[in-house]
Amino acid sequence: MIFVGRGSLLWRAVRAAHSRGHRVDLVCVSPSEGVPPDVADAPLLRTVNVNHDHARVLDAATDDVMWSIDNRTILRAPLIGSGLRIYNIHNGLLPEHRGLPEMAVIFCLLRGDTEYGASLHVVDEGIDTGPVLDLERFAVTPEDRFQDVMLAGVKACHTLFERNLDAVCEGTAVPVAPASRPDEYFGADRIRELIRLRDLPDTDRARFDRATALGVFGPLYPEIADAVSQPAR
Protein backbone atom coordinates (compact mmCIF):
# COMPACT_ATOMS: atom_id res chain seq x y z
CA MET A 1 0.00 0.00 0.00
CA ILE A 2 0.95 3.63 -0.55
CA PHE A 3 0.80 6.43 2.04
CA VAL A 4 0.81 10.18 1.46
CA GLY A 5 0.69 12.79 4.21
CA ARG A 6 2.64 14.28 7.07
CA GLY A 7 3.23 14.29 10.81
CA SER A 8 2.53 11.94 13.66
CA LEU A 9 -0.79 10.67 12.31
CA LEU A 10 0.91 9.48 9.13
CA TRP A 11 3.68 7.67 10.97
CA ARG A 12 1.28 6.08 13.46
CA ALA A 13 -0.64 4.69 10.49
CA VAL A 14 2.55 3.35 8.89
CA ARG A 15 3.45 1.64 12.16
CA ALA A 16 -0.04 0.14 12.47
CA ALA A 17 0.12 -1.21 8.93
CA HIS A 18 3.54 -2.77 9.59
CA SER A 19 2.38 -4.31 12.86
CA ARG A 20 -0.53 -6.05 11.12
CA GLY A 21 1.68 -7.49 8.41
CA HIS A 22 0.66 -5.18 5.59
CA ARG A 23 3.29 -4.29 3.04
CA VAL A 24 4.13 -0.58 2.86
CA ASP A 25 5.30 0.10 -0.69
CA LEU A 26 5.94 3.83 -0.44
CA VAL A 27 5.46 6.76 1.94
CA CYS A 28 5.14 10.10 0.13
CA VAL A 29 6.10 13.16 2.18
CA SER A 30 7.33 16.71 1.72
CA PRO A 31 11.06 17.43 1.38
CA SER A 32 11.18 18.75 4.96
CA GLU A 33 9.25 15.94 6.67
CA GLY A 34 11.06 14.30 9.58
CA VAL A 35 11.08 10.50 9.65
CA PRO A 36 10.92 8.76 13.06
CA PRO A 37 13.84 6.36 13.57
CA ASP A 38 11.63 3.32 14.11
CA VAL A 39 10.12 3.63 10.61
CA ALA A 40 13.24 4.92 8.85
CA ASP A 41 13.39 1.77 6.71
CA ALA A 42 10.04 2.51 5.05
CA PRO A 43 10.42 3.25 1.30
CA LEU A 44 10.27 7.03 1.00
CA LEU A 45 9.41 9.51 -1.73
CA ARG A 46 10.13 13.14 -0.93
CA THR A 47 8.07 15.34 -3.22
CA VAL A 48 6.67 18.85 -3.37
CA ASN A 49 3.51 17.52 -5.04
CA VAL A 50 2.75 13.81 -5.21
CA ASN A 51 0.56 14.36 -8.29
CA HIS A 52 3.69 15.29 -10.25
CA ASP A 53 5.32 12.00 -9.24
CA HIS A 54 2.36 9.80 -10.12
CA ALA A 55 4.50 7.48 -12.25
CA ARG A 56 6.78 6.64 -9.31
CA VAL A 57 3.77 6.06 -7.07
CA LEU A 58 2.08 3.72 -9.53
CA ASP A 59 5.32 1.85 -10.22
CA ALA A 60 5.84 1.26 -6.49
CA ALA A 61 2.34 -0.06 -5.78
CA THR A 62 2.06 -3.81 -5.27
CA ASP A 63 -1.65 -3.59 -4.48
CA ASP A 64 -4.38 -1.03 -5.21
CA VAL A 65 -4.61 0.75 -1.83
CA MET A 66 -3.45 4.32 -1.17
CA TRP A 67 -3.97 6.18 2.12
CA SER A 68 -4.10 9.97 2.45
CA ILE A 69 -3.36 10.88 6.08
CA ASP A 70 -3.02 14.50 7.23
CA ASN A 71 -2.31 15.26 3.59
CA ARG A 72 -2.58 18.89 2.46
CA THR A 73 -2.19 18.15 -1.26
CA ILE A 74 -5.38 17.74 -3.28
CA LEU A 75 -5.01 14.48 -5.18
CA ARG A 76 -5.84 14.70 -8.88
CA ALA A 77 -5.69 12.69 -12.11
CA PRO A 78 -3.83 10.63 -13.12
CA LEU A 79 -3.65 9.30 -9.55
CA ILE A 80 -7.43 9.67 -9.42
CA GLY A 81 -8.69 7.20 -11.99
CA SER A 82 -5.46 5.19 -12.07
CA GLY A 83 -7.01 2.08 -10.56
CA LEU A 84 -5.74 2.86 -7.08
CA ARG A 85 -8.38 2.81 -4.35
CA ILE A 86 -7.56 6.02 -2.49
CA TYR A 87 -8.86 6.64 1.03
CA ASN A 88 -8.62 9.77 3.14
CA ILE A 89 -8.83 10.07 6.92
CA HIS A 90 -10.43 13.47 7.49
CA ASN A 91 -10.46 15.41 10.77
CA GLY A 92 -14.12 16.46 10.73
CA LEU A 93 -17.53 14.92 10.15
CA LEU A 94 -18.48 14.73 6.49
CA PRO A 95 -20.20 16.28 4.68
CA GLU A 96 -20.70 19.13 7.17
CA HIS A 97 -16.97 19.70 7.84
CA ARG A 98 -15.37 19.59 4.39
CA GLY A 99 -12.10 21.42 3.86
CA LEU A 100 -9.57 22.57 6.43
CA PRO A 101 -9.99 20.94 9.86
CA GLU A 102 -8.60 23.96 11.69
CA MET A 103 -11.35 26.18 10.27
CA ALA A 104 -14.03 23.54 10.83
CA VAL A 105 -13.07 23.20 14.51
CA ILE A 106 -13.17 26.97 15.05
CA PHE A 107 -16.63 27.36 13.56
CA CYS A 108 -17.89 24.24 15.35
CA LEU A 109 -17.00 25.95 18.63
CA LEU A 110 -18.24 29.39 17.59
CA ARG A 111 -21.62 27.92 16.76
CA GLY A 112 -21.85 25.96 19.98
CA ASP A 113 -22.02 22.58 18.23
CA THR A 114 -22.18 19.63 20.60
CA GLU A 115 -20.51 17.06 18.35
CA TYR A 116 -17.42 16.71 16.22
CA GLY A 117 -15.43 13.77 14.89
CA ALA A 118 -13.50 12.23 12.02
CA SER A 119 -14.41 10.54 8.75
CA LEU A 120 -13.00 7.86 6.47
CA HIS A 121 -13.98 8.43 2.87
CA VAL A 122 -13.10 7.44 -0.66
CA VAL A 123 -11.15 10.11 -2.54
CA ASP A 124 -12.79 11.29 -5.75
CA GLU A 125 -12.37 14.36 -7.98
CA GLY A 126 -13.89 16.73 -5.41
CA ILE A 127 -12.62 17.95 -2.04
CA ASP A 128 -13.88 15.63 0.72
CA THR A 129 -16.84 14.63 -1.45
CA GLY A 130 -16.31 10.89 -1.91
CA PRO A 131 -18.46 8.20 -0.27
CA VAL A 132 -18.06 8.08 3.52
CA LEU A 133 -17.18 4.63 4.84
CA ASP A 134 -17.03 5.27 8.58
CA LEU A 135 -17.36 8.02 11.18
CA GLU A 136 -15.93 8.42 14.68
CA ARG A 137 -17.97 10.94 16.70
CA PHE A 138 -17.33 12.55 20.08
CA ALA A 139 -19.10 15.11 22.24
CA VAL A 140 -18.03 18.75 22.42
CA THR A 141 -18.71 20.53 25.71
CA PRO A 142 -19.20 24.28 26.32
CA GLU A 143 -15.83 24.37 28.10
CA ASP A 144 -13.84 22.81 25.25
CA ARG A 145 -11.23 24.91 23.52
CA PHE A 146 -9.73 24.60 20.04
CA GLN A 147 -6.82 22.50 21.27
CA ASP A 148 -9.17 20.07 23.05
CA VAL A 149 -11.33 19.44 20.01
CA MET A 150 -8.45 19.24 17.55
CA LEU A 151 -6.59 16.72 19.73
CA ALA A 152 -9.74 14.64 20.09
CA GLY A 153 -10.14 14.80 16.32
CA VAL A 154 -6.59 13.55 15.80
CA LYS A 155 -7.28 10.63 18.12
CA ALA A 156 -10.52 9.89 16.26
CA CYS A 157 -8.61 9.86 12.96
CA HIS A 158 -6.25 7.13 14.13
CA THR A 159 -9.12 5.16 15.65
CA LEU A 160 -10.77 5.15 12.22
CA PHE A 161 -7.58 4.01 10.52
CA GLU A 162 -7.03 1.10 12.87
CA ARG A 163 -10.69 0.07 12.80
CA ASN A 164 -10.90 0.03 9.01
CA LEU A 165 -7.40 -0.97 7.88
CA ASP A 166 -8.13 -4.64 7.31
CA ALA A 167 -11.56 -4.06 5.75
CA VAL A 168 -10.11 -1.55 3.30
CA CYS A 169 -7.31 -3.91 2.31
CA GLU A 170 -9.79 -6.76 1.87
CA GLY A 171 -12.15 -4.58 -0.15
CA THR A 172 -15.06 -5.11 2.25
CA ALA A 173 -15.50 -1.53 3.52
CA VAL A 174 -18.84 -0.12 2.35
CA PRO A 175 -20.38 3.38 2.49
CA VAL A 176 -22.49 4.42 5.45
CA ALA A 177 -25.93 5.96 5.02
CA PRO A 178 -25.67 9.56 3.73
CA ALA A 179 -25.79 12.20 6.47
CA SER A 180 -28.84 14.40 6.79
CA ARG A 181 -26.77 17.44 7.73
CA PRO A 182 -25.96 20.04 5.06
CA ASP A 183 -22.68 20.08 3.17
CA GLU A 184 -20.34 22.93 4.17
CA TYR A 185 -16.83 23.79 3.02
CA PHE A 186 -14.25 25.43 5.29
CA GLY A 187 -11.47 27.02 3.26
CA ALA A 188 -8.71 29.47 4.12
CA ASP A 189 -10.98 32.32 3.04
CA ARG A 190 -13.04 31.76 6.19
CA ILE A 191 -10.31 33.66 8.05
CA ARG A 192 -11.95 36.84 6.74
CA GLU A 193 -15.21 35.79 8.37
CA LEU A 194 -13.30 35.08 11.57
CA ILE A 195 -11.86 38.61 11.55
CA ARG A 196 -15.33 40.05 10.96
CA LEU A 197 -16.69 38.13 13.95
CA ARG A 198 -13.73 39.24 16.04
CA ASP A 199 -14.64 42.87 15.37
CA LEU A 200 -18.39 42.64 15.99
CA PRO A 201 -19.39 44.22 19.33
CA ASP A 202 -22.03 41.55 20.02
CA THR A 203 -19.68 38.59 19.53
CA ASP A 204 -19.56 36.29 22.57
CA ARG A 205 -15.97 37.05 23.56
CA ALA A 206 -15.52 34.05 25.84
CA ARG A 207 -16.74 31.66 23.15
CA PHE A 208 -14.57 33.36 20.52
CA ASP A 209 -11.52 33.04 22.75
CA ARG A 210 -12.17 29.32 23.35
CA ALA A 211 -12.72 28.69 19.64
CA THR A 212 -9.44 30.37 18.70
CA ALA A 213 -7.28 29.12 21.59
CA LEU A 214 -4.91 27.26 19.28
CA GLY A 215 -2.61 26.10 22.07
CA VAL A 216 0.03 23.66 20.81
CA PHE A 217 -1.36 24.07 17.28
CA GLY A 218 -0.47 27.76 17.09
CA PRO A 219 2.79 27.20 15.15
CA LEU A 220 0.92 25.09 12.59
CA TYR A 221 -1.64 27.78 11.80
CA PRO A 222 0.22 31.13 11.88
CA GLU A 223 -2.33 32.91 9.68
CA ILE A 224 -5.12 32.13 12.12
CA ALA A 225 -2.92 33.06 15.08
CA ASP A 226 -2.09 36.40 13.48
CA ALA A 227 -5.72 37.12 12.61
CA VAL A 228 -7.09 36.51 16.10
CA SER A 229 -4.20 38.19 17.92
CA GLN A 230 -5.04 41.60 16.46
CA PRO A 231 -7.13 43.81 18.74
CA ALA A 232 -10.78 44.20 17.78
CA ARG A 233 -11.44 47.42 15.88
Foldseek 3Di string as FASTA:
>chain_A
DEEEAADDLRVVLVVLCVVVPHDYQEYEYAPPGDDDPVCVPHHYDHDPAVQVVVVVVVVRDPDQEYEYENHPHQHDPPVAVVSHFYKYKALWDPQAEFEDNLQSLLVCLQVVPFKIWIWIFTRHHDGRPGFTQDIDMDTDDNPAASQRSVVRSSVRSSVVSNVCVVCVVVVNGDGDPDDPDDGDYDYPVCLVVLLVLQQDPPRPVVSNCRSLVCPPCCVVCVVSVVSNVDHHD
